[in-house]
């Protein structure tokens, strides 16, 4: 187990360097712990189709952290967060921001709540609910999702969470041309970013969508 932990820490260090991501030593330790717990819980709770933490590193963790350069504002809502992706790794690396993670799956939200508590993350709230059923007095600067649904569904079920000047950051695989044609008429694509994930040979895109004013 000790060798496995060292291998994971070394792989994380290299992956972060390759991605040009700079985080604190404490954050690196917390990211490793998250991967270890995800692998452990996954054996009995089926949180992910991948169980090897080294594979989770590229496919889940580094993929999630690719959002870091695009985060602006002080708050973010992660819709359909599943096992905490991308919200929990982002909360580790951005302690200056507030995060709310939403998912209707009880096993997955229980996992995220447990890990966040064990890591002492004070900037993260986990809520077991569907996005469309979640009501909050405080709207957020960013609403994001990781392959949650079509862009139209994603926006319509969560637009009540977004501040008037806020942004939707939708993580997608292939560039979703057909989905963009079906955007709600009061929203537009502001920017599309091609994401390059170390060790991941797959198409990844981040779409920045905002209200038309």
N, C-alpha and C. Protein backbone atom coordinates (compact mmCIF):
# COMPACT_ATOMS: atom_id res chain seq x y z
N UNK A 1 0.83 -1.21 0.00
CA UNK A 1 0.00 0.00 0.00
C UNK A 1 0.86 1.26 0.00
N UNK A 2 1.97 1.21 0.76
CA UNK A 2 2.85 2.38 0.83
C UNK A 2 3.46 2.69 -0.53
N UNK A 3 3.88 1.64 -1.26
CA UNK A 3 4.42 1.86 -2.60
C UNK A 3 3.36 2.41 -3.54
N UNK A 4 2.13 1.90 -3.39
CA UNK A 4 1.03 2.39 -4.21
C UNK A 4 0.79 3.87 -3.95
N UNK A 5 0.81 4.25 -2.66
CA UNK A 5 0.61 5.66 -2.31
C UNK A 5 1.72 6.54 -2.90
N UNK A 6 2.95 6.06 -2.83
CA UNK A 6 4.08 6.83 -3.38
C UNK A 6 3.95 6.96 -4.90
N UNK A 7 3.55 5.87 -5.55
CA UNK A 7 3.37 5.91 -7.01
C UNK A 7 2.28 6.90 -7.40
N UNK A 8 1.19 6.91 -6.62
CA UNK A 8 0.10 7.82 -6.91
C UNK A 8 0.54 9.28 -6.72
N UNK A 9 1.27 9.53 -5.63
CA UNK A 9 1.75 10.89 -5.37
C UNK A 9 2.70 11.35 -6.47
N UNK A 10 3.57 10.46 -6.93
CA UNK A 10 4.52 10.81 -8.00
C UNK A 10 3.78 11.07 -9.31
N UNK A 11 2.78 10.22 -9.60
CA UNK A 11 2.00 10.39 -10.83
C UNK A 11 1.21 11.70 -10.79
N UNK A 12 0.67 12.03 -9.62
CA UNK A 12 -0.06 13.30 -9.47
C UNK A 12 0.88 14.48 -9.70
N UNK A 13 2.05 14.42 -9.10
CA UNK A 13 3.03 15.49 -9.25
C UNK A 13 3.36 15.71 -10.73
N UNK A 14 3.61 14.62 -11.45
CA UNK A 14 3.95 14.72 -12.88
C UNK A 14 2.75 15.24 -13.67
N UNK A 15 1.57 14.73 -13.38
CA UNK A 15 0.38 15.16 -14.11
C UNK A 15 0.11 16.64 -13.93
N UNK A 16 0.25 17.13 -12.71
CA UNK A 16 0.05 18.56 -12.46
C UNK A 16 1.10 19.39 -13.19
N UNK A 17 2.35 18.93 -13.17
CA UNK A 17 3.41 19.65 -13.88
C UNK A 17 3.13 19.69 -15.38
N UNK A 18 2.75 18.55 -15.94
CA UNK A 18 2.46 18.47 -17.38
C UNK A 18 1.30 19.38 -17.77
N UNK A 19 0.34 19.52 -16.84
CA UNK A 19 -0.83 20.36 -17.11
C UNK A 19 -0.57 21.83 -16.79
N UNK A 20 0.58 22.13 -16.19
CA UNK A 20 0.89 23.50 -15.83
C UNK A 20 0.07 24.01 -14.65
N UNK A 21 -0.34 23.09 -13.78
CA UNK A 21 -1.16 23.45 -12.63
C UNK A 21 -0.28 23.53 -11.38
N UNK A 22 -0.34 24.64 -10.68
CA UNK A 22 0.44 24.83 -9.47
C UNK A 22 -0.49 24.87 -8.27
N UNK A 23 -0.34 23.93 -7.37
CA UNK A 23 -1.13 23.91 -6.15
C UNK A 23 -0.20 23.66 -4.96
N UNK A 24 -0.70 23.90 -3.77
CA UNK A 24 0.11 23.76 -2.58
C UNK A 24 0.40 22.29 -2.27
N UNK A 25 1.38 22.07 -1.42
CA UNK A 25 1.72 20.72 -1.00
C UNK A 25 0.54 20.07 -0.27
N UNK A 26 -0.15 20.85 0.57
CA UNK A 26 -1.31 20.31 1.27
C UNK A 26 -2.40 19.90 0.29
N UNK A 27 -2.62 20.72 -0.74
CA UNK A 27 -3.64 20.39 -1.74
C UNK A 27 -3.29 19.09 -2.46
N UNK A 28 -2.03 18.89 -2.77
CA UNK A 28 -1.62 17.65 -3.42
C UNK A 28 -1.93 16.44 -2.55
N UNK A 29 -1.67 16.56 -1.25
CA UNK A 29 -1.99 15.48 -0.34
C UNK A 29 -3.48 15.21 -0.28
N UNK A 30 -4.28 16.27 -0.30
CA UNK A 30 -5.73 16.10 -0.27
C UNK A 30 -6.25 15.47 -1.56
N UNK A 31 -5.66 15.84 -2.69
CA UNK A 31 -6.07 15.26 -3.97
C UNK A 31 -5.76 13.77 -4.00
N UNK A 32 -4.59 13.39 -3.49
CA UNK A 32 -4.25 11.96 -3.41
C UNK A 32 -5.23 11.22 -2.52
N UNK A 33 -5.54 11.81 -1.38
CA UNK A 33 -6.48 11.18 -0.45
C UNK A 33 -7.84 10.97 -1.12
N UNK A 34 -8.29 11.98 -1.85
CA UNK A 34 -9.57 11.86 -2.56
C UNK A 34 -9.56 10.66 -3.52
N UNK A 35 -8.50 10.52 -4.29
CA UNK A 35 -8.42 9.40 -5.23
C UNK A 35 -8.38 8.07 -4.50
N UNK A 36 -7.66 8.00 -3.40
CA UNK A 36 -7.60 6.77 -2.62
C UNK A 36 -8.98 6.39 -2.08
N UNK A 37 -9.70 7.38 -1.57
CA UNK A 37 -11.03 7.10 -1.03
C UNK A 37 -12.02 6.76 -2.13
N UNK A 38 -11.90 7.41 -3.28
CA UNK A 38 -12.79 7.09 -4.39
C UNK A 38 -12.60 5.65 -4.84
N UNK A 39 -11.35 5.21 -4.92
CA UNK A 39 -11.07 3.83 -5.29
C UNK A 39 -11.60 2.86 -4.23
N UNK A 40 -11.44 3.21 -2.97
CA UNK A 40 -11.90 2.36 -1.87
C UNK A 40 -13.42 2.22 -1.87
N UNK A 41 -14.10 3.35 -1.92
CA UNK A 41 -15.56 3.32 -1.91
C UNK A 41 -16.13 2.67 -3.16
N UNK A 42 -15.41 2.81 -4.26
CA UNK A 42 -15.91 2.30 -5.53
C UNK A 42 -16.03 0.78 -5.54
N UNK A 43 -15.27 0.11 -4.71
CA UNK A 43 -15.31 -1.35 -4.67
C UNK A 43 -16.66 -1.86 -4.20
N UNK A 44 -17.35 -1.09 -3.39
CA UNK A 44 -18.64 -1.54 -2.86
C UNK A 44 -19.82 -0.68 -3.29
N UNK A 45 -19.58 0.55 -3.72
CA UNK A 45 -20.68 1.46 -4.02
C UNK A 45 -20.80 1.84 -5.50
N UNK A 46 -19.90 1.35 -6.34
CA UNK A 46 -20.00 1.59 -7.79
C UNK A 46 -20.17 3.08 -8.11
N UNK A 47 -19.24 3.88 -7.64
CA UNK A 47 -19.29 5.31 -7.90
C UNK A 47 -18.72 5.69 -9.25
N UNK A 48 -17.86 4.83 -9.79
CA UNK A 48 -17.20 5.11 -11.06
C UNK A 48 -16.96 3.79 -11.78
N UNK A 49 -16.90 3.85 -13.09
CA UNK A 49 -16.59 2.65 -13.87
C UNK A 49 -15.11 2.31 -13.85
N UNK A 50 -14.31 3.15 -13.20
CA UNK A 50 -12.86 2.93 -13.10
C UNK A 50 -12.51 2.76 -11.64
N UNK A 51 -11.66 1.78 -11.32
CA UNK A 51 -11.30 1.55 -9.93
C UNK A 51 -9.84 1.83 -9.62
N UNK A 52 -8.98 1.80 -10.62
CA UNK A 52 -7.55 2.04 -10.42
C UNK A 52 -7.31 3.53 -10.19
N UNK A 53 -6.78 3.93 -9.02
CA UNK A 53 -6.57 5.35 -8.75
C UNK A 53 -5.63 6.03 -9.74
N UNK A 54 -4.68 5.27 -10.31
CA UNK A 54 -3.78 5.86 -11.30
C UNK A 54 -4.52 6.21 -12.59
N UNK A 55 -5.52 5.39 -12.95
CA UNK A 55 -6.34 5.72 -14.12
C UNK A 55 -7.33 6.84 -13.80
N UNK A 56 -7.82 6.83 -12.55
CA UNK A 56 -8.72 7.91 -12.12
C UNK A 56 -8.01 9.26 -12.18
N UNK A 57 -6.70 9.25 -11.97
CA UNK A 57 -5.93 10.48 -11.95
C UNK A 57 -6.12 11.27 -13.24
N UNK A 58 -5.97 10.61 -14.37
CA UNK A 58 -6.11 11.30 -15.66
C UNK A 58 -7.56 11.50 -16.05
N UNK A 59 -8.34 10.42 -15.96
CA UNK A 59 -9.70 10.45 -16.47
C UNK A 59 -10.65 11.29 -15.62
N UNK A 60 -10.38 11.39 -14.34
CA UNK A 60 -11.28 12.12 -13.45
C UNK A 60 -10.64 13.38 -12.86
N UNK A 61 -9.51 13.22 -12.19
CA UNK A 61 -8.94 14.32 -11.43
C UNK A 61 -8.35 15.43 -12.31
N UNK A 62 -7.41 15.07 -13.18
CA UNK A 62 -6.80 16.08 -14.04
C UNK A 62 -7.81 16.67 -15.01
N UNK A 63 -8.76 15.87 -15.42
CA UNK A 63 -9.84 16.36 -16.27
C UNK A 63 -10.62 17.45 -15.53
N UNK A 64 -10.94 17.21 -14.28
CA UNK A 64 -11.68 18.20 -13.48
C UNK A 64 -10.85 19.46 -13.26
N UNK A 65 -9.57 19.29 -12.96
CA UNK A 65 -8.72 20.44 -12.66
C UNK A 65 -8.42 21.29 -13.89
N UNK A 66 -8.74 20.79 -15.07
CA UNK A 66 -8.53 21.59 -16.28
C UNK A 66 -9.40 22.85 -16.28
N UNK A 67 -10.41 22.91 -15.39
CA UNK A 67 -11.25 24.10 -15.28
C UNK A 67 -10.57 25.25 -14.53
N UNK A 68 -9.52 24.95 -13.78
CA UNK A 68 -8.93 25.95 -12.90
C UNK A 68 -8.61 27.29 -13.58
N UNK A 69 -8.03 27.29 -14.78
CA UNK A 69 -7.69 28.59 -15.40
C UNK A 69 -8.90 29.43 -15.77
N UNK A 70 -10.09 28.83 -15.77
CA UNK A 70 -11.29 29.52 -16.24
C UNK A 70 -12.23 29.93 -15.11
N UNK A 71 -11.80 29.72 -13.87
CA UNK A 71 -12.65 30.06 -12.73
C UNK A 71 -12.49 31.53 -12.37
N UNK A 72 -13.62 32.25 -12.37
CA UNK A 72 -13.66 33.64 -11.95
C UNK A 72 -14.85 33.80 -11.01
N UNK A 73 -14.76 34.77 -10.12
CA UNK A 73 -15.84 34.96 -9.16
C UNK A 73 -15.56 34.19 -7.88
N UNK A 74 -16.53 34.20 -6.97
CA UNK A 74 -16.32 33.62 -5.66
C UNK A 74 -17.15 32.38 -5.38
N UNK A 75 -17.99 31.94 -6.33
CA UNK A 75 -18.88 30.83 -6.02
C UNK A 75 -19.16 29.99 -7.26
N UNK A 76 -19.39 28.70 -7.03
CA UNK A 76 -19.62 27.76 -8.12
C UNK A 76 -20.58 26.68 -7.67
N UNK A 77 -21.51 26.31 -8.55
CA UNK A 77 -22.41 25.18 -8.33
C UNK A 77 -22.08 24.09 -9.34
N UNK A 78 -21.89 22.88 -8.84
CA UNK A 78 -21.59 21.71 -9.68
C UNK A 78 -22.85 20.86 -9.75
N UNK A 79 -23.43 20.77 -10.94
CA UNK A 79 -24.70 20.10 -11.14
C UNK A 79 -24.47 18.64 -11.55
N UNK A 80 -25.12 17.72 -10.85
CA UNK A 80 -24.92 16.30 -11.15
C UNK A 80 -23.48 15.91 -10.86
N UNK A 81 -23.02 16.22 -9.66
CA UNK A 81 -21.59 16.09 -9.34
C UNK A 81 -21.12 14.64 -9.25
N UNK A 82 -22.04 13.69 -9.13
CA UNK A 82 -21.63 12.29 -9.02
C UNK A 82 -20.74 12.08 -7.81
N UNK A 83 -19.53 11.58 -8.06
CA UNK A 83 -18.59 11.32 -6.96
C UNK A 83 -17.76 12.56 -6.62
N UNK A 84 -18.30 13.73 -6.95
CA UNK A 84 -17.62 14.98 -6.58
C UNK A 84 -16.83 15.63 -7.68
N UNK A 85 -17.13 15.28 -8.92
CA UNK A 85 -16.35 15.77 -10.05
C UNK A 85 -17.18 16.70 -10.93
N UNK A 86 -16.67 17.88 -11.21
CA UNK A 86 -15.33 18.39 -10.90
C UNK A 86 -15.22 19.17 -9.59
N UNK A 87 -16.35 19.35 -8.88
CA UNK A 87 -16.40 20.30 -7.79
C UNK A 87 -15.45 20.07 -6.63
N UNK A 88 -15.31 18.81 -6.17
CA UNK A 88 -14.49 18.58 -4.98
C UNK A 88 -13.01 18.85 -5.24
N UNK A 89 -12.41 18.35 -6.32
CA UNK A 89 -11.00 18.71 -6.58
C UNK A 89 -10.81 20.22 -6.75
N UNK A 90 -11.78 20.89 -7.37
CA UNK A 90 -11.67 22.34 -7.53
C UNK A 90 -11.73 23.05 -6.18
N UNK A 91 -12.59 22.56 -5.29
CA UNK A 91 -12.69 23.16 -3.95
C UNK A 91 -11.39 23.00 -3.17
N UNK A 92 -10.71 21.87 -3.37
CA UNK A 92 -9.42 21.67 -2.71
C UNK A 92 -8.41 22.71 -3.18
N UNK A 93 -8.41 22.97 -4.47
CA UNK A 93 -7.40 23.86 -5.06
C UNK A 93 -7.76 25.34 -4.99
N UNK A 94 -9.05 25.63 -4.73
CA UNK A 94 -9.49 27.02 -4.65
C UNK A 94 -10.22 27.28 -3.32
N UNK A 95 -9.48 27.30 -2.22
CA UNK A 95 -10.10 27.52 -0.91
C UNK A 95 -10.72 28.90 -0.77
N UNK A 96 -10.43 29.81 -1.70
CA UNK A 96 -10.99 31.15 -1.66
C UNK A 96 -12.38 31.23 -2.27
N UNK A 97 -12.84 30.14 -2.88
CA UNK A 97 -14.17 30.09 -3.49
C UNK A 97 -15.10 29.21 -2.68
N UNK A 98 -16.41 29.46 -2.84
CA UNK A 98 -17.43 28.64 -2.21
C UNK A 98 -18.07 27.73 -3.26
N UNK A 99 -18.26 26.47 -2.89
CA UNK A 99 -18.77 25.47 -3.82
C UNK A 99 -20.02 24.79 -3.24
N UNK A 100 -21.01 24.57 -4.09
CA UNK A 100 -22.15 23.74 -3.72
C UNK A 100 -22.25 22.63 -4.76
N UNK A 101 -22.29 21.38 -4.29
CA UNK A 101 -22.33 20.21 -5.17
C UNK A 101 -23.67 19.53 -5.04
N UNK A 102 -24.35 19.34 -6.17
CA UNK A 102 -25.70 18.79 -6.18
C UNK A 102 -25.75 17.47 -6.94
N UNK A 103 -26.44 16.50 -6.35
CA UNK A 103 -26.68 15.23 -7.04
C UNK A 103 -27.84 14.54 -6.33
N UNK A 104 -28.64 13.80 -7.09
CA UNK A 104 -29.79 13.12 -6.50
C UNK A 104 -29.47 11.72 -6.01
N UNK A 105 -28.24 11.24 -6.27
CA UNK A 105 -27.84 9.89 -5.87
C UNK A 105 -27.31 9.91 -4.44
N UNK A 106 -27.99 9.20 -3.54
CA UNK A 106 -27.63 9.23 -2.14
C UNK A 106 -26.26 8.65 -1.84
N UNK A 107 -25.89 7.56 -2.50
CA UNK A 107 -24.58 6.95 -2.25
C UNK A 107 -23.46 7.90 -2.65
N UNK A 108 -23.64 8.58 -3.77
CA UNK A 108 -22.60 9.48 -4.26
C UNK A 108 -22.47 10.73 -3.39
N UNK A 109 -23.60 11.31 -2.98
CA UNK A 109 -23.51 12.48 -2.12
C UNK A 109 -22.98 12.11 -0.74
N UNK A 110 -23.27 10.89 -0.27
CA UNK A 110 -22.72 10.45 1.01
C UNK A 110 -21.20 10.35 0.94
N UNK A 111 -20.71 9.84 -0.18
CA UNK A 111 -19.26 9.76 -0.37
C UNK A 111 -18.63 11.15 -0.38
N UNK A 112 -19.20 12.06 -1.14
CA UNK A 112 -18.63 13.41 -1.24
C UNK A 112 -18.66 14.10 0.12
N UNK A 113 -19.78 13.96 0.84
CA UNK A 113 -19.89 14.57 2.16
C UNK A 113 -18.83 14.01 3.11
N UNK A 114 -18.64 12.70 3.08
CA UNK A 114 -17.67 12.06 3.97
C UNK A 114 -16.24 12.53 3.68
N UNK A 115 -15.87 12.53 2.42
CA UNK A 115 -14.51 12.94 2.06
C UNK A 115 -14.28 14.41 2.37
N UNK A 116 -15.27 15.25 2.06
CA UNK A 116 -15.13 16.68 2.35
C UNK A 116 -14.96 16.91 3.85
N UNK A 117 -15.69 16.14 4.67
CA UNK A 117 -15.57 16.28 6.12
C UNK A 117 -14.21 15.80 6.59
N UNK A 118 -13.74 14.68 6.05
CA UNK A 118 -12.44 14.16 6.45
C UNK A 118 -11.31 15.10 6.06
N UNK A 119 -11.48 15.81 4.96
CA UNK A 119 -10.46 16.76 4.51
C UNK A 119 -10.61 18.13 5.17
N UNK A 120 -11.70 18.32 5.88
CA UNK A 120 -11.91 19.60 6.54
C UNK A 120 -12.19 20.74 5.59
N UNK A 121 -12.87 20.44 4.48
CA UNK A 121 -13.16 21.48 3.49
C UNK A 121 -14.34 22.34 3.97
N UNK A 122 -14.06 23.57 4.32
CA UNK A 122 -15.08 24.47 4.84
C UNK A 122 -15.79 25.25 3.73
N UNK A 123 -15.27 25.15 2.52
CA UNK A 123 -15.81 25.93 1.41
C UNK A 123 -16.69 25.10 0.49
N UNK A 124 -17.15 23.94 0.96
CA UNK A 124 -17.91 23.03 0.12
C UNK A 124 -19.16 22.56 0.83
N UNK A 125 -20.29 22.66 0.13
CA UNK A 125 -21.58 22.17 0.63
C UNK A 125 -22.09 21.10 -0.32
N UNK A 126 -22.57 19.99 0.23
CA UNK A 126 -23.09 18.88 -0.57
C UNK A 126 -24.59 18.76 -0.31
N UNK A 127 -25.38 18.72 -1.38
CA UNK A 127 -26.82 18.63 -1.24
C UNK A 127 -27.35 17.50 -2.12
N UNK A 128 -28.11 16.60 -1.49
CA UNK A 128 -28.73 15.53 -2.26
C UNK A 128 -30.06 16.04 -2.81
N UNK A 129 -30.06 16.42 -4.06
CA UNK A 129 -31.26 16.93 -4.71
C UNK A 129 -31.02 17.04 -6.20
N UNK A 130 -32.09 17.17 -6.95
CA UNK A 130 -31.97 17.51 -8.36
C UNK A 130 -31.78 19.01 -8.48
N UNK A 131 -31.06 19.41 -9.50
CA UNK A 131 -30.75 20.84 -9.66
C UNK A 131 -32.02 21.67 -9.73
N UNK A 132 -33.03 21.20 -10.46
CA UNK A 132 -34.25 21.98 -10.63
C UNK A 132 -35.05 22.13 -9.34
N UNK A 133 -34.76 21.27 -8.35
CA UNK A 133 -35.48 21.34 -7.08
C UNK A 133 -34.72 22.11 -6.01
N UNK A 134 -33.51 22.54 -6.33
CA UNK A 134 -32.68 23.21 -5.32
C UNK A 134 -32.95 24.71 -5.33
N UNK A 135 -33.26 25.23 -4.17
CA UNK A 135 -33.52 26.66 -4.03
C UNK A 135 -32.51 27.26 -3.07
N UNK A 136 -31.94 28.38 -3.46
CA UNK A 136 -30.96 29.05 -2.61
C UNK A 136 -31.13 30.55 -2.76
N UNK A 137 -30.95 31.27 -1.66
CA UNK A 137 -31.02 32.72 -1.71
C UNK A 137 -29.81 33.32 -2.42
N UNK A 138 -28.70 32.58 -2.43
CA UNK A 138 -27.46 33.09 -3.00
C UNK A 138 -27.20 32.46 -4.36
N UNK A 139 -27.24 33.28 -5.40
CA UNK A 139 -26.91 32.79 -6.73
C UNK A 139 -25.40 32.78 -6.91
N UNK A 140 -24.93 31.96 -7.83
CA UNK A 140 -23.48 31.73 -7.97
C UNK A 140 -22.94 32.37 -9.23
N UNK A 141 -21.62 32.53 -9.26
CA UNK A 141 -20.95 33.13 -10.41
C UNK A 141 -20.79 32.14 -11.55
N UNK A 142 -20.67 30.85 -11.21
CA UNK A 142 -20.45 29.80 -12.21
C UNK A 142 -21.33 28.61 -11.89
N UNK A 143 -21.97 28.08 -12.92
CA UNK A 143 -22.63 26.77 -12.83
C UNK A 143 -21.91 25.85 -13.81
N UNK A 144 -21.47 24.70 -13.34
CA UNK A 144 -20.74 23.79 -14.21
C UNK A 144 -21.33 22.39 -14.14
N UNK A 145 -20.97 21.59 -15.10
CA UNK A 145 -21.34 20.17 -15.10
C UNK A 145 -20.32 19.42 -15.95
N UNK A 146 -20.20 18.15 -15.65
CA UNK A 146 -19.27 17.30 -16.37
C UNK A 146 -20.09 16.23 -17.10
N UNK A 147 -20.39 16.52 -18.38
CA UNK A 147 -21.19 15.58 -19.19
C UNK A 147 -22.48 15.22 -18.49
N UNK A 148 -23.16 16.22 -17.93
CA UNK A 148 -24.39 16.00 -17.15
C UNK A 148 -25.59 15.71 -18.03
N UNK A 149 -25.79 16.50 -19.06
CA UNK A 149 -26.97 16.37 -19.93
C UNK A 149 -26.72 17.21 -21.17
N UNK A 150 -27.74 17.33 -22.03
CA UNK A 150 -27.61 18.24 -23.17
C UNK A 150 -27.48 19.66 -22.65
N UNK A 151 -26.91 20.53 -23.45
CA UNK A 151 -26.74 21.91 -23.03
C UNK A 151 -28.07 22.57 -22.69
N UNK A 152 -29.09 22.31 -23.49
CA UNK A 152 -30.40 22.90 -23.24
C UNK A 152 -30.95 22.46 -21.89
N UNK A 153 -30.87 21.17 -21.61
CA UNK A 153 -31.37 20.65 -20.33
C UNK A 153 -30.55 21.19 -19.17
N UNK A 154 -29.24 21.20 -19.34
CA UNK A 154 -28.33 21.70 -18.31
C UNK A 154 -28.69 23.13 -17.93
N UNK A 155 -28.89 23.98 -18.92
CA UNK A 155 -29.19 25.38 -18.65
C UNK A 155 -30.56 25.54 -18.02
N UNK A 156 -31.56 24.92 -18.59
CA UNK A 156 -32.93 25.12 -18.12
C UNK A 156 -33.15 24.59 -16.70
N UNK A 157 -32.45 23.54 -16.31
CA UNK A 157 -32.68 22.98 -14.98
C UNK A 157 -31.87 23.68 -13.90
N UNK A 158 -30.94 24.56 -14.31
CA UNK A 158 -30.08 25.18 -13.30
C UNK A 158 -29.94 26.69 -13.45
N UNK A 159 -30.62 27.32 -14.39
CA UNK A 159 -30.43 28.75 -14.62
C UNK A 159 -30.87 29.59 -13.43
N UNK A 160 -31.77 29.05 -12.59
CA UNK A 160 -32.21 29.80 -11.42
C UNK A 160 -31.09 29.94 -10.37
N UNK A 161 -30.03 29.15 -10.52
CA UNK A 161 -28.91 29.21 -9.58
C UNK A 161 -27.87 30.25 -9.97
N UNK A 162 -27.91 30.69 -11.22
CA UNK A 162 -26.85 31.53 -11.77
C UNK A 162 -27.16 33.02 -11.62
N UNK A 163 -26.17 33.76 -11.13
CA UNK A 163 -26.30 35.21 -11.05
C UNK A 163 -26.48 35.80 -12.46
N UNK A 164 -27.06 36.97 -12.53
CA UNK A 164 -27.39 37.57 -13.83
C UNK A 164 -26.16 37.68 -14.73
N UNK A 165 -25.02 38.02 -14.15
CA UNK A 165 -23.80 38.19 -14.94
C UNK A 165 -22.92 36.93 -14.91
N UNK A 166 -23.47 35.82 -14.44
CA UNK A 166 -22.69 34.60 -14.29
C UNK A 166 -22.48 33.83 -15.58
N UNK A 167 -21.77 32.70 -15.45
CA UNK A 167 -21.42 31.90 -16.63
C UNK A 167 -21.74 30.43 -16.40
N UNK A 168 -22.21 29.79 -17.44
CA UNK A 168 -22.25 28.33 -17.47
C UNK A 168 -20.94 27.84 -18.07
N UNK A 169 -20.27 26.93 -17.39
CA UNK A 169 -19.09 26.27 -17.93
C UNK A 169 -19.43 24.79 -18.07
N UNK A 170 -19.70 24.39 -19.28
CA UNK A 170 -20.13 23.01 -19.55
C UNK A 170 -18.96 22.20 -20.09
N UNK A 171 -18.65 21.10 -19.40
CA UNK A 171 -17.58 20.21 -19.84
C UNK A 171 -18.17 19.16 -20.78
N UNK A 172 -17.56 19.05 -21.96
CA UNK A 172 -18.04 18.12 -22.96
C UNK A 172 -16.87 17.34 -23.55
N UNK A 173 -17.19 16.25 -24.22
CA UNK A 173 -16.19 15.49 -24.95
C UNK A 173 -16.00 16.12 -26.32
N UNK A 174 -16.59 15.52 -27.33
CA UNK A 174 -16.54 16.10 -28.67
C UNK A 174 -17.31 17.42 -28.69
N UNK A 175 -16.88 18.31 -29.58
CA UNK A 175 -17.55 19.61 -29.69
C UNK A 175 -19.01 19.39 -30.07
N UNK A 176 -19.97 19.86 -29.24
CA UNK A 176 -21.39 19.52 -29.42
C UNK A 176 -22.13 20.48 -30.37
N UNK A 177 -21.85 20.39 -31.63
CA UNK A 177 -22.45 21.31 -32.59
C UNK A 177 -23.97 21.25 -32.57
N UNK A 178 -24.54 20.05 -32.55
CA UNK A 178 -25.99 19.91 -32.57
C UNK A 178 -26.62 20.49 -31.31
N UNK A 179 -25.99 20.28 -30.17
CA UNK A 179 -26.52 20.81 -28.92
C UNK A 179 -26.50 22.34 -28.92
N UNK A 180 -25.47 22.92 -29.51
CA UNK A 180 -25.37 24.38 -29.55
C UNK A 180 -26.48 24.99 -30.40
N UNK A 181 -26.95 24.27 -31.39
CA UNK A 181 -28.05 24.76 -32.22
C UNK A 181 -29.34 24.82 -31.43
N UNK A 182 -29.40 24.08 -30.33
CA UNK A 182 -30.61 24.00 -29.52
C UNK A 182 -30.49 24.79 -28.22
N UNK A 183 -29.54 25.73 -28.16
CA UNK A 183 -29.41 26.55 -26.96
C UNK A 183 -30.68 27.37 -26.75
N UNK A 184 -31.08 27.59 -25.51
CA UNK A 184 -32.19 28.51 -25.26
C UNK A 184 -31.91 29.85 -25.90
N UNK A 185 -32.94 30.49 -26.42
CA UNK A 185 -32.73 31.70 -27.24
C UNK A 185 -32.16 32.86 -26.45
N UNK A 186 -32.26 32.82 -25.13
CA UNK A 186 -31.73 33.92 -24.33
C UNK A 186 -30.31 33.67 -23.84
N UNK A 187 -29.62 32.69 -24.44
CA UNK A 187 -28.24 32.39 -24.09
C UNK A 187 -27.40 32.27 -25.35
N UNK A 188 -26.09 32.51 -25.19
CA UNK A 188 -25.19 32.39 -26.34
C UNK A 188 -23.85 31.82 -25.89
N UNK A 189 -23.16 31.21 -26.84
CA UNK A 189 -21.82 30.70 -26.59
C UNK A 189 -20.83 31.86 -26.71
N UNK A 190 -20.09 32.11 -25.63
CA UNK A 190 -19.12 33.20 -25.61
C UNK A 190 -17.74 32.70 -26.03
N UNK A 191 -17.39 31.49 -25.59
CA UNK A 191 -16.07 30.94 -25.91
C UNK A 191 -16.12 29.42 -25.81
N UNK A 192 -15.28 28.78 -26.61
CA UNK A 192 -15.13 27.33 -26.56
C UNK A 192 -13.64 27.03 -26.43
N UNK A 193 -13.28 26.29 -25.41
CA UNK A 193 -11.88 25.99 -25.13
C UNK A 193 -11.61 24.50 -25.32
N UNK A 194 -10.57 24.20 -26.06
CA UNK A 194 -10.12 22.81 -26.19
C UNK A 194 -9.23 22.50 -25.00
N UNK A 195 -9.59 21.47 -24.27
CA UNK A 195 -8.85 21.09 -23.07
C UNK A 195 -7.87 19.97 -23.39
N UNK A 196 -6.66 20.10 -22.90
CA UNK A 196 -5.63 19.08 -23.11
C UNK A 196 -5.30 18.46 -21.75
N UNK A 197 -5.68 17.21 -21.59
CA UNK A 197 -5.51 16.52 -20.32
C UNK A 197 -4.32 15.57 -20.42
N UNK A 198 -3.29 15.75 -19.59
CA UNK A 198 -2.13 14.84 -19.65
C UNK A 198 -2.55 13.38 -19.48
N UNK A 199 -2.04 12.54 -20.38
CA UNK A 199 -2.32 11.11 -20.31
C UNK A 199 -3.68 10.71 -20.81
N UNK A 200 -4.44 11.65 -21.35
CA UNK A 200 -5.78 11.34 -21.83
C UNK A 200 -5.88 11.63 -23.32
N UNK A 201 -6.01 10.59 -24.10
CA UNK A 201 -6.10 10.72 -25.55
C UNK A 201 -7.57 10.73 -25.95
N UNK A 202 -8.22 11.84 -25.67
CA UNK A 202 -9.64 11.97 -25.96
C UNK A 202 -9.97 13.44 -26.16
N UNK A 203 -11.01 13.69 -26.93
CA UNK A 203 -11.44 15.06 -27.19
C UNK A 203 -12.17 15.61 -25.98
N UNK A 204 -11.75 16.80 -25.52
CA UNK A 204 -12.38 17.44 -24.37
C UNK A 204 -12.54 18.93 -24.67
N UNK A 205 -13.73 19.45 -24.36
CA UNK A 205 -14.03 20.86 -24.61
C UNK A 205 -14.73 21.48 -23.40
N UNK A 206 -14.50 22.76 -23.23
CA UNK A 206 -15.18 23.54 -22.20
C UNK A 206 -15.91 24.68 -22.89
N UNK A 207 -17.21 24.77 -22.66
CA UNK A 207 -18.03 25.79 -23.31
C UNK A 207 -18.44 26.84 -22.29
N UNK A 208 -18.19 28.09 -22.63
CA UNK A 208 -18.54 29.24 -21.80
C UNK A 208 -19.81 29.85 -22.38
N UNK A 209 -20.91 29.72 -21.65
CA UNK A 209 -22.23 30.16 -22.13
C UNK A 209 -22.79 31.18 -21.16
N UNK A 210 -23.35 32.28 -21.71
CA UNK A 210 -23.85 33.35 -20.86
C UNK A 210 -25.20 33.86 -21.38
N UNK A 211 -25.88 34.57 -20.50
CA UNK A 211 -27.14 35.19 -20.88
C UNK A 211 -26.89 36.31 -21.88
N UNK A 212 -27.82 36.47 -22.79
CA UNK A 212 -27.78 37.60 -23.74
C UNK A 212 -28.37 38.81 -23.04
N UNK A 213 -27.61 39.89 -22.98
CA UNK A 213 -28.09 41.09 -22.28
C UNK A 213 -28.30 42.22 -23.27
